[in-house]
């Protein structure tokens, strides 16, 4: 761990020479930047009464990018030296070829501070973190004799980035992250089931370590496990489905969000390509991607190209109004960048990615929505899912779901999967609750081999005619 801020141009690189080299590299290019990063992270896990792993990682490096048309030349290194920068420039310059491009305008400035900039790893001593994990284990085992295994983890990181633009601008962001996760396995009469809860955000680790917080998370994990312990086999067939608020927005993220990223639409590989301005969802459906929410997991003061995050409306009252854009795709499509240029690290090129993607609330009471469900499933928790961007087809597994008949929530069901496609599901939304909620801060999103933290959210929704995979009806 280091207390000194990441200041590569104060201690490692000469800013003037780096800027001249960057400008030489981008001569005749459309865009590009020098992205520098230092990241430190710590993760501790207790599993089955023992500390299973404890890791600390520190990395730093730079990525140099030159963009010409649809081509990006990119080179990166862990060595923050002028020699390494010159070697990277030779590679990145290959994308520019004979030049002829006009350098894009610089990103707009911002003074946004959506989160603190201190290191959450330093919020507590190592021994305190170990003690907390053991306390969580003891708490859950004493809470219910059916608990047979507890897994608890604490993770924290600090990412510091600095972006040098060819216009001479230096942009800086310091991004904390903290997370607590708890999983529990219960057993009764030879049957075992599990439950998981947790979350966090760009917040201090200490807030997750207070008894008021972690005990609530532990109780929620235990509650889900005990619900699943009495779950019946899920039905199969085409059913109406009510999705709960908050984390079920992960279905929206996967089935709709990826299809609204600029690169997929520019290449016409998205199910939403060519539909701008057209009705793509039921009336009342408004979907946003918003990177400006304070302290949220997907929020950013600036994206990884230096563009300020924004509150971007993607679908408004059922009509497609916007895509998420990085600078390259925005330029090629003739639209403004939206602050969605993200990369996993200095070793990766930026691309259009989601931040916090959610649906706005409607005016229906959640209990009224459930009362209107004659025969279907009430899904409030989700695990893994898959989606095909080209057609929006998705498959999601439920981690907590209930059978509903004639408006009455009945027994929990196990093994339910929801199958459908995003564009059709949007059109089949029949009711929108007034209880929009964001997830507790546990989302990660993968695209082209890169992983970034994201947020999701939605109100209670009634979707008609989804295929539910389970046992025979």
Protein backbone atom coordinates (compact mmCIF):
# COMPACT_ATOMS: atom_id res chain seq x y z
CA UNK A 1 0.00 0.00 0.00
CA UNK A 2 1.21 3.51 -0.73
CA UNK A 3 -0.01 6.79 0.74
CA UNK A 4 1.51 8.91 -2.03
CA UNK A 5 -0.93 9.88 -4.80
CA UNK A 6 -0.30 8.55 -8.29
CA UNK A 7 1.47 11.40 -10.07
CA UNK A 8 3.33 9.84 -13.02
CA UNK A 9 4.26 13.19 -14.59
CA UNK A 10 5.73 14.48 -11.33
CA UNK A 11 8.01 11.52 -10.69
CA UNK A 12 8.30 9.16 -13.67
CA UNK A 13 7.65 10.92 -16.97
CA UNK A 14 8.37 14.39 -18.28
CA UNK A 15 5.01 15.90 -19.22
CA UNK A 16 6.37 18.09 -22.02
CA UNK A 17 8.22 15.30 -23.79
CA UNK A 18 5.30 12.89 -23.28
CA UNK A 19 2.91 15.41 -24.82
CA UNK A 20 5.16 15.99 -27.83
CA UNK A 21 5.46 12.23 -28.36
CA UNK A 22 1.69 11.83 -28.08
CA UNK A 23 1.10 14.59 -30.61
CA UNK A 24 3.62 13.08 -33.02
CA UNK A 25 1.91 9.70 -32.66
CA UNK A 26 -1.52 11.20 -33.39
CA UNK A 27 -0.48 13.34 -36.33
CA UNK A 28 -3.10 12.59 -38.99
CA UNK A 29 -5.20 10.56 -36.54
CA UNK A 30 -8.82 11.14 -35.58
CA UNK A 31 -8.34 10.67 -31.86
CA UNK A 32 -6.23 9.09 -29.16
CA UNK A 33 -4.83 9.53 -25.70
CA UNK A 34 -2.26 8.37 -23.19
CA UNK A 35 -4.02 6.54 -20.36
CA UNK A 36 -2.03 5.89 -17.17
CA UNK A 37 -3.26 3.83 -14.24
CA UNK A 38 -2.31 2.54 -10.83
CA UNK A 39 -4.55 0.05 -9.06
CA UNK A 40 -4.29 -1.59 -5.66
CA UNK A 41 -6.73 -4.22 -4.43
CA UNK A 42 -7.22 -6.49 -1.46
CA UNK A 43 -9.56 -9.44 -1.06
CA UNK A 44 -10.11 -11.72 1.93
CA UNK A 45 -12.35 -14.78 2.03
CA UNK A 46 -13.45 -17.00 4.89
CA UNK A 47 -14.92 -20.33 3.84
CA UNK A 48 -16.19 -23.11 6.08
CA UNK A 49 -14.67 -21.60 9.21
CA UNK A 50 -11.21 -20.95 7.79
CA UNK A 51 -9.53 -18.10 5.98
CA UNK A 52 -9.39 -19.59 2.51
CA UNK A 53 -7.59 -16.76 0.75
CA UNK A 54 -6.09 -13.35 1.43
CA UNK A 55 -4.62 -11.43 -1.48
CA UNK A 56 -3.16 -8.02 -2.13
CA UNK A 57 -2.36 -6.85 -5.63
CA UNK A 58 -0.76 -3.71 -7.01
CA UNK A 59 -0.30 -2.86 -10.67
CA UNK A 60 0.45 0.15 -12.80
CA UNK A 61 1.04 0.92 -16.43
CA UNK A 62 0.01 2.96 -19.44
CA UNK A 63 -1.88 2.47 -22.67
CA UNK A 64 -1.26 4.59 -25.76
CA UNK A 65 -3.97 4.71 -28.40
CA UNK A 66 -4.17 6.18 -31.91
CA UNK A 67 -7.52 6.06 -33.72
CA UNK A 68 -8.09 6.44 -37.43
CA UNK A 69 -11.56 5.66 -38.77
CA UNK A 70 -12.64 2.27 -37.46
CA UNK A 71 -9.07 1.21 -36.62
CA UNK A 72 -7.34 1.62 -33.27
CA UNK A 73 -3.62 1.19 -32.76
CA UNK A 74 -2.93 0.32 -29.14
CA UNK A 75 0.14 -0.52 -27.12
CA UNK A 76 0.61 -0.79 -23.36
CA UNK A 77 3.36 -1.36 -20.86
CA UNK A 78 3.95 -1.78 -17.15
CA UNK A 79 7.03 0.44 -17.42
CA UNK A 80 6.32 4.12 -16.92
CA UNK A 81 9.42 5.28 -18.79
CA UNK A 82 10.04 7.41 -21.84
CA UNK A 83 11.71 4.50 -23.59
CA UNK A 84 8.64 2.30 -23.13
CA UNK A 85 6.43 5.15 -24.30
CA UNK A 86 8.47 5.54 -27.50
CA UNK A 87 8.22 1.84 -28.26
CA UNK A 88 4.47 1.97 -27.70
CA UNK A 89 4.19 4.97 -30.00
CA UNK A 90 5.75 3.01 -32.86
CA UNK A 91 3.04 0.37 -32.55
CA UNK A 92 0.11 2.72 -32.04
CA UNK A 93 1.23 4.83 -34.99
CA UNK A 94 0.61 1.90 -37.36
CA UNK A 95 -3.13 2.56 -37.17
CA UNK A 96 -2.74 6.06 -38.52
CA UNK A 97 -1.13 4.85 -41.77
CA UNK A 98 -0.85 7.83 -44.12
CA UNK A 99 -2.93 10.04 -41.88
CA UNK A 100 -5.43 12.48 -43.29
CA UNK A 101 -7.63 12.50 -40.19
CA UNK A 102 -8.83 15.54 -38.30
CA UNK A 103 -8.31 15.37 -34.56
CA UNK A 104 -11.62 15.25 -32.71
CA UNK A 105 -12.52 17.97 -30.24
CA UNK A 106 -11.39 17.47 -26.66
CA UNK A 107 -13.90 16.16 -24.08
CA UNK A 108 -15.81 18.78 -22.13
CA UNK A 109 -14.51 19.58 -18.67
CA UNK A 110 -16.19 18.67 -15.40
CA UNK A 111 -15.79 19.39 -11.71
CA UNK A 112 -17.96 16.45 -10.67
CA UNK A 113 -16.98 14.55 -7.54
CA UNK A 114 -19.36 11.64 -7.24
CA UNK A 115 -17.33 9.72 -4.66
CA UNK A 116 -14.51 10.17 -2.17
CA UNK A 117 -10.89 9.62 -3.19
CA UNK A 118 -9.35 7.88 -0.18
CA UNK A 119 -8.16 4.29 -0.17
CA UNK A 120 -10.81 1.96 1.35
CA UNK A 121 -8.16 -0.71 1.92
CA UNK A 122 -6.72 1.54 4.63
CA UNK A 123 -10.06 1.94 6.42
CA UNK A 124 -9.39 -1.00 8.74
CA UNK A 125 -6.43 -3.06 9.87
CA UNK A 126 -5.92 -6.51 8.39
CA UNK A 127 -6.64 -8.15 11.76
CA UNK A 128 -9.96 -6.28 12.02
CA UNK A 129 -11.06 -7.61 8.65
CA UNK A 130 -10.18 -11.18 9.59
CA UNK A 131 -12.01 -10.75 12.89
CA UNK A 132 -15.11 -9.51 11.09
CA UNK A 133 -15.21 -12.51 8.75
CA UNK A 134 -14.97 -14.86 11.72
CA UNK A 135 -17.70 -12.92 13.51
CA UNK A 136 -19.98 -13.29 10.48
CA UNK A 137 -19.35 -17.04 10.49
CA UNK A 138 -20.16 -17.32 14.20
CA UNK A 139 -23.25 -15.12 13.85
CA UNK A 140 -24.80 -17.23 11.10
CA UNK A 141 -24.01 -20.58 12.70
CA UNK A 142 -25.62 -19.45 15.95
CA UNK A 143 -28.61 -17.94 14.12
CA UNK A 144 -29.91 -21.28 12.84
CA UNK A 145 -28.78 -24.86 13.52
CA UNK A 146 -29.40 -25.74 9.89
CA UNK A 147 -26.45 -23.64 8.75
CA UNK A 148 -23.67 -25.98 7.64
CA UNK A 149 -21.39 -23.64 5.72
CA UNK A 150 -20.66 -19.92 5.55
CA UNK A 151 -18.59 -18.05 2.98
CA UNK A 152 -17.85 -14.38 3.61
CA UNK A 153 -15.59 -12.04 1.70
CA UNK A 154 -14.37 -8.47 1.97
CA UNK A 155 -12.87 -6.71 -1.03
CA UNK A 156 -11.58 -3.20 -1.54
CA UNK A 157 -9.63 -1.42 -4.25
CA UNK A 158 -8.41 1.96 -5.38
CA UNK A 159 -7.93 2.81 -9.04
CA UNK A 160 -6.09 6.02 -9.92
CA UNK A 161 -6.11 7.13 -13.54
CA UNK A 162 -4.55 10.02 -15.39
CA UNK A 163 -5.31 10.80 -19.04
CA UNK A 164 -3.10 12.99 -21.19
CA UNK A 165 -4.93 14.37 -24.20
CA UNK A 166 -3.17 15.70 -27.35
CA UNK A 167 -4.71 19.14 -26.67
CA UNK A 168 -2.52 19.25 -23.57
CA UNK A 169 -5.28 18.53 -21.05
CA UNK A 170 -4.48 16.27 -18.10
CA UNK A 171 -7.51 14.57 -16.60
CA UNK A 172 -7.45 12.67 -13.34
CA UNK A 173 -9.86 10.41 -11.46
CA UNK A 174 -9.46 8.44 -8.23
CA UNK A 175 -11.96 5.58 -7.94
CA UNK A 176 -12.51 3.64 -4.72
CA UNK A 177 -14.51 0.43 -4.46
CA UNK A 178 -15.59 -1.70 -1.49
CA UNK A 179 -17.75 -4.79 -1.24
CA UNK A 180 -19.00 -7.35 1.30
CA UNK A 181 -20.48 -10.68 0.18
CA UNK A 182 -21.99 -13.42 2.31
CA UNK A 183 -23.17 -16.87 1.20
CA UNK A 184 -24.70 -19.51 3.44
CA UNK A 185 -25.63 -23.17 2.93
CA UNK A 186 -28.34 -24.76 5.04
CA UNK A 187 -29.27 -28.42 5.35
CA UNK A 188 -32.43 -30.17 6.51
CA UNK A 189 -33.41 -33.81 6.07
CA UNK A 190 -30.54 -34.37 3.65
CA UNK A 191 -31.44 -31.43 1.42
CA UNK A 192 -29.03 -28.53 1.01
CA UNK A 193 -29.77 -25.06 -0.36
CA UNK A 194 -27.89 -21.79 -0.49
CA UNK A 195 -28.48 -18.07 -0.27
CA UNK A 196 -26.28 -15.11 -1.08
CA UNK A 197 -26.43 -11.40 -0.28
CA UNK A 198 -24.05 -8.47 -0.33
CA UNK A 199 -22.98 -5.41 -2.19
CA UNK A 200 -21.11 -2.16 -1.84
CA UNK A 201 -20.02 0.68 -4.08
CA UNK A 202 -17.58 3.55 -4.32
CA UNK A 203 -17.72 3.96 -0.57
CA UNK A 204 -15.62 3.48 2.54
CA UNK A 205 -15.07 -0.08 3.70
CA UNK A 206 -15.94 0.90 7.27
CA UNK A 207 -19.61 1.41 6.37
CA UNK A 208 -19.83 -2.24 5.33
CA UNK A 209 -18.18 -3.43 8.54
CA UNK A 210 -20.69 -1.98 11.02
CA UNK A 211 -22.90 -4.56 12.78
CA UNK A 212 -26.05 -2.82 11.54
CA UNK A 213 -24.93 -3.43 7.96
CA UNK A 214 -23.27 -6.83 7.97
CA UNK A 215 -25.84 -8.46 10.21
CA UNK A 216 -28.57 -7.32 7.83
CA UNK A 217 -26.65 -8.83 4.91
CA UNK A 218 -26.10 -12.07 6.84
CA UNK A 219 -29.77 -12.36 7.75
CA UNK A 220 -30.77 -11.77 4.12
CA UNK A 221 -28.44 -14.52 2.87
CA UNK A 222 -29.87 -16.88 5.50
CA UNK A 223 -33.45 -15.90 4.62
CA UNK A 224 -32.91 -16.73 0.95
CA UNK A 225 -31.31 -20.08 1.80
CA UNK A 226 -34.23 -21.03 4.07
CA UNK A 227 -36.74 -20.00 1.41
CA UNK A 228 -35.00 -22.27 -1.09
CA UNK A 229 -34.98 -25.07 1.45
CA UNK A 230 -38.77 -25.33 1.15
CA UNK A 231 -38.94 -24.57 -2.58
CA UNK A 232 -40.89 -26.79 -4.93
CA UNK A 233 -39.97 -27.66 -8.50
CA UNK A 234 -40.63 -24.76 -10.84
CA UNK A 235 -43.31 -25.16 -13.50
CA UNK A 236 -42.48 -25.05 -17.18
CA UNK A 237 -44.33 -23.28 -19.91
CA UNK A 238 -45.26 -19.82 -21.17
CA UNK A 239 -46.28 -17.78 -18.13
CA UNK A 240 -46.70 -14.20 -17.04
CA UNK A 241 -43.84 -13.10 -14.80
CA UNK A 242 -43.58 -10.37 -12.18
CA UNK A 243 -40.03 -9.19 -11.61
CA UNK A 244 -39.18 -7.64 -8.27
CA UNK A 245 -37.44 -4.26 -7.94
CA UNK A 246 -33.69 -3.66 -7.80
CA UNK A 247 -31.34 -6.51 -8.71
CA UNK A 248 -33.75 -8.14 -11.23
CA UNK A 249 -32.74 -5.18 -13.40
CA UNK A 250 -29.81 -7.41 -14.37
CA UNK A 251 -32.23 -8.94 -16.89
CA UNK A 252 -32.76 -5.46 -18.36
CA UNK A 253 -28.99 -4.90 -18.39
CA UNK A 254 -28.25 -8.07 -20.32
CA UNK A 255 -31.28 -8.43 -22.56
CA UNK A 256 -31.61 -4.75 -23.49
CA UNK A 257 -28.58 -2.78 -22.32
CA UNK A 258 -25.91 -4.44 -24.43
CA UNK A 259 -28.07 -4.03 -27.50
CA UNK A 260 -28.11 -0.27 -26.91
CA UNK A 261 -24.32 0.12 -26.95
CA UNK A 262 -23.08 2.19 -29.88
CA UNK A 263 -20.62 -0.24 -31.45
CA UNK A 264 -23.21 -3.00 -31.89
CA UNK A 265 -25.58 -0.54 -33.56
CA UNK A 266 -22.95 1.04 -35.79
CA UNK A 267 -22.05 -2.42 -37.04
CA UNK A 268 -25.76 -3.29 -37.28
CA UNK A 269 -25.29 -6.41 -35.18
CA UNK A 270 -27.77 -5.32 -32.50
CA UNK A 271 -31.45 -6.23 -32.48
CA UNK A 272 -32.08 -2.46 -32.06
CA UNK A 273 -30.03 -1.34 -35.08
CA UNK A 274 -31.95 1.04 -37.35
CA UNK A 275 -34.79 1.59 -34.87
CA UNK A 276 -33.85 5.05 -33.57
CA UNK A 277 -37.00 7.08 -32.99
CA UNK A 278 -39.24 4.07 -33.24
CA UNK A 279 -41.39 2.38 -30.60
CA UNK A 280 -39.37 -0.48 -29.11
CA UNK A 281 -41.10 -0.92 -25.75
CA UNK A 282 -44.48 -0.66 -24.10
CA UNK A 283 -45.84 2.80 -23.23
CA UNK A 284 -44.41 4.11 -19.96
CA UNK A 285 -41.11 2.28 -20.33
CA UNK A 286 -38.20 4.71 -19.84
CA UNK A 287 -34.67 3.28 -19.60
CA UNK A 288 -31.61 5.27 -18.60
CA UNK A 289 -27.89 4.72 -18.30
CA UNK A 290 -26.61 7.10 -15.64
CA UNK A 291 -23.00 7.30 -14.56
CA UNK A 292 -23.62 10.34 -12.34
CA UNK A 293 -25.26 8.64 -9.33
CA UNK A 294 -23.16 9.38 -6.21
CA UNK A 295 -21.21 6.47 -4.71
CA UNK A 296 -22.73 3.86 -7.02
CA UNK A 297 -20.72 0.92 -8.30
CA UNK A 298 -21.08 1.89 -11.97
CA UNK A 299 -20.57 5.63 -11.54
CA UNK A 300 -17.60 7.60 -12.90
CA UNK A 301 -16.55 11.23 -12.64
CA UNK A 302 -15.09 10.82 -16.12
CA UNK A 303 -14.98 7.78 -18.35
CA UNK A 304 -11.75 6.18 -19.50
CA UNK A 305 -11.39 8.60 -22.40
CA UNK A 306 -11.91 11.69 -20.25
CA UNK A 307 -15.54 12.36 -21.17
CA UNK A 308 -17.70 13.33 -18.16
CA UNK A 309 -20.31 10.77 -17.18
CA UNK A 310 -23.89 11.67 -18.03
CA UNK A 311 -27.51 10.79 -17.45
CA UNK A 312 -28.39 9.29 -20.82
CA UNK A 313 -31.98 8.48 -21.76
CA UNK A 314 -31.99 5.38 -23.99
CA UNK A 315 -35.70 4.63 -24.23
CA UNK A 316 -38.33 7.26 -23.39
CA UNK A 317 -41.98 6.29 -23.00
CA UNK A 318 -41.33 3.24 -25.18
CA UNK A 319 -39.44 5.08 -27.95
CA UNK A 320 -35.75 4.46 -28.68
CA UNK A 321 -33.98 7.80 -28.19
CA UNK A 322 -30.28 7.08 -27.71
CA UNK A 323 -27.33 4.73 -27.59
CA UNK A 324 -24.35 4.57 -25.25
CA UNK A 325 -21.27 5.91 -27.00
CA UNK A 326 -17.53 6.12 -26.63
CA UNK A 327 -15.66 8.73 -28.66
CA UNK A 328 -14.77 6.53 -31.64
CA UNK A 329 -18.25 5.15 -32.27
CA UNK A 330 -19.87 8.51 -31.59
CA UNK A 331 -17.69 10.17 -34.23
CA UNK A 332 -18.37 7.44 -36.77
CA UNK A 333 -22.12 7.70 -36.13
CA UNK A 334 -22.15 11.50 -36.12
CA UNK A 335 -23.44 11.87 -32.56
CA UNK A 336 -21.94 13.16 -29.28
CA UNK A 337 -20.00 10.88 -26.95
CA UNK A 338 -22.07 10.00 -23.89
CA UNK A 339 -19.41 9.23 -21.28
CA UNK A 340 -19.59 5.46 -21.79
CA UNK A 341 -16.03 4.81 -23.02
CA UNK A 342 -14.76 2.26 -20.51
CA UNK A 343 -11.84 -0.16 -20.24
CA UNK A 344 -10.91 -2.82 -17.72
CA UNK A 345 -7.40 -1.46 -17.26
CA UNK A 346 -4.50 0.28 -18.99
CA UNK A 347 -3.94 -2.94 -20.95
CA UNK A 348 -7.30 -2.66 -22.72
CA UNK A 349 -8.83 -0.39 -25.35
CA UNK A 350 -11.97 1.54 -24.40
CA UNK A 351 -15.34 0.61 -25.86
CA UNK A 352 -18.98 1.57 -25.25
CA UNK A 353 -20.05 0.09 -21.91
CA UNK A 354 -22.90 0.54 -19.47
CA UNK A 355 -22.54 2.35 -16.11
CA UNK A 356 -25.75 2.25 -14.02
CA UNK A 357 -28.61 1.07 -16.24
CA UNK A 358 -32.15 1.20 -14.91
CA UNK A 359 -35.83 1.68 -15.72
CA UNK A 360 -37.78 4.55 -14.20
CA UNK A 361 -40.76 3.90 -11.95
CA UNK A 362 -44.35 3.86 -13.11
CA UNK A 363 -47.47 4.50 -11.03
CA UNK A 364 -48.71 1.01 -10.16
CA UNK A 365 -48.59 -0.30 -6.61
CA UNK A 366 -46.48 -3.49 -6.43
CA UNK A 367 -49.16 -5.33 -4.47
CA UNK A 368 -51.71 -4.45 -7.14
CA UNK A 369 -49.42 -5.83 -9.84
CA UNK A 370 -49.15 -9.13 -7.99
CA UNK A 371 -52.89 -9.18 -7.35
CA UNK A 372 -53.45 -9.00 -11.13
CA UNK A 373 -51.22 -12.01 -11.81
CA UNK A 374 -53.55 -14.95 -12.42
CA UNK A 375 -51.03 -17.68 -13.14
CA UNK A 376 -47.31 -17.08 -13.18
CA UNK A 377 -44.01 -16.56 -11.40
CA UNK A 378 -42.82 -13.82 -9.05
CA UNK A 379 -39.03 -13.59 -9.50
CA UNK A 380 -37.08 -11.46 -7.03
CA UNK A 381 -33.55 -12.84 -7.30
CA UNK A 382 -31.34 -13.78 -10.24
CA UNK A 383 -28.08 -15.59 -10.75
CA UNK A 384 -26.26 -16.08 -14.02
CA UNK A 385 -27.61 -15.29 -17.44
CA UNK A 386 -26.71 -15.30 -21.12
CA UNK A 387 -27.78 -13.11 -24.02
CA UNK A 388 -27.27 -13.07 -27.77
CA UNK A 389 -26.74 -9.43 -28.79
CA UNK A 390 -27.84 -9.98 -32.37
CA UNK A 391 -31.39 -10.96 -31.45
CA UNK A 392 -31.65 -10.16 -27.74
CA UNK A 393 -32.48 -13.74 -26.77
CA UNK A 394 -31.73 -14.39 -23.10
CA UNK A 395 -31.73 -17.15 -20.50
CA UNK A 396 -31.64 -16.25 -16.80
CA UNK A 397 -31.70 -18.48 -13.73
CA UNK A 398 -33.75 -17.40 -10.70
CA UNK A 399 -32.21 -17.65 -7.24
CA UNK A 400 -35.46 -16.70 -5.48
CA UNK A 401 -38.88 -17.07 -7.08
CA UNK A 402 -42.46 -17.89 -6.10
CA UNK A 403 -45.51 -19.44 -7.74
CA UNK A 404 -48.46 -17.06 -8.06
CA UNK A 405 -52.05 -18.11 -8.73
CA UNK A 406 -55.09 -15.83 -8.72
CA UNK A 407 -53.06 -12.99 -7.27
CA UNK A 408 -51.80 -14.98 -4.28
CA UNK A 409 -48.07 -15.53 -3.76
CA UNK A 410 -47.62 -19.20 -3.00
CA UNK A 411 -44.75 -21.58 -2.45
CA UNK A 412 -41.18 -20.74 -3.50
CA UNK A 413 -39.98 -22.56 -6.59
CA UNK A 414 -36.57 -23.93 -7.44
CA UNK A 415 -34.87 -24.32 -10.81
CA UNK A 416 -36.80 -21.63 -12.65
CA UNK A 417 -35.19 -20.08 -15.70
CA UNK A 418 -36.62 -17.21 -17.71
CA UNK A 419 -36.28 -17.47 -21.47
CA UNK A 420 -37.16 -14.78 -23.99
CA UNK A 421 -35.76 -11.95 -26.05
CA UNK A 422 -35.19 -8.37 -24.99
CA UNK A 423 -37.11 -6.53 -27.74
CA UNK A 424 -40.19 -8.73 -27.28
CA UNK A 425 -40.02 -8.58 -23.48
CA UNK A 426 -39.95 -4.75 -23.63
CA UNK A 427 -43.10 -4.77 -25.72
CA UNK A 428 -44.84 -7.18 -23.34
CA UNK A 429 -44.45 -5.09 -20.18
CA UNK A 430 -48.00 -4.72 -18.88
CA UNK A 431 -47.47 -2.91 -15.57
CA UNK A 432 -44.72 -0.77 -14.06
CA UNK A 433 -44.45 -0.37 -10.31
CA UNK A 434 -43.88 2.82 -8.35
CA UNK A 435 -41.04 1.23 -6.37
CA UNK A 436 -37.93 1.69 -8.53
CA UNK A 437 -34.84 0.53 -6.66
CA UNK A 438 -31.18 0.13 -7.51
CA UNK A 439 -29.28 -3.06 -6.80
CA UNK A 440 -27.16 -3.26 -3.61
CA UNK A 441 -23.94 -2.86 -5.57
CA UNK A 442 -22.76 -6.23 -6.83
CA UNK A 443 -22.80 -6.06 -10.62
CA UNK A 444 -19.95 -6.90 -12.96
CA UNK A 445 -20.29 -6.78 -16.74
CA UNK A 446 -18.27 -8.71 -19.31
CA UNK A 447 -17.77 -7.71 -22.92
CA UNK A 448 -15.06 -8.75 -25.37
CA UNK A 449 -13.05 -10.24 -22.52
CA UNK A 450 -13.14 -7.07 -20.42
CA UNK A 451 -14.85 -6.79 -17.03
CA UNK A 452 -16.05 -3.55 -15.44
CA UNK A 453 -18.26 -2.77 -12.41
CA UNK A 454 -21.83 -1.73 -13.19
CA UNK A 455 -25.12 -0.97 -11.49
CA UNK A 456 -28.67 -2.01 -12.40
CA UNK A 457 -32.16 -1.18 -11.22
CA UNK A 458 -35.86 -1.27 -11.99
CA UNK A 459 -39.30 -1.14 -10.37
CA UNK A 460 -41.62 -4.12 -10.03
CA UNK A 461 -42.61 -5.20 -13.57
CA UNK A 462 -45.27 -7.46 -15.02
CA UNK A 463 -44.09 -9.05 -18.26
CA UNK A 464 -46.52 -11.18 -20.20
CA UNK A 465 -45.73 -14.44 -21.92
CA UNK A 466 -42.16 -15.34 -20.94
CA UNK A 467 -41.04 -18.91 -21.32
CA UNK A 468 -40.29 -20.40 -17.91
CA UNK A 469 -37.99 -23.39 -17.86
CA UNK A 470 -38.52 -25.82 -15.01
CA UNK A 471 -40.23 -29.16 -14.57
CA UNK A 472 -43.28 -30.24 -16.51
CA UNK A 473 -46.31 -28.10 -15.74
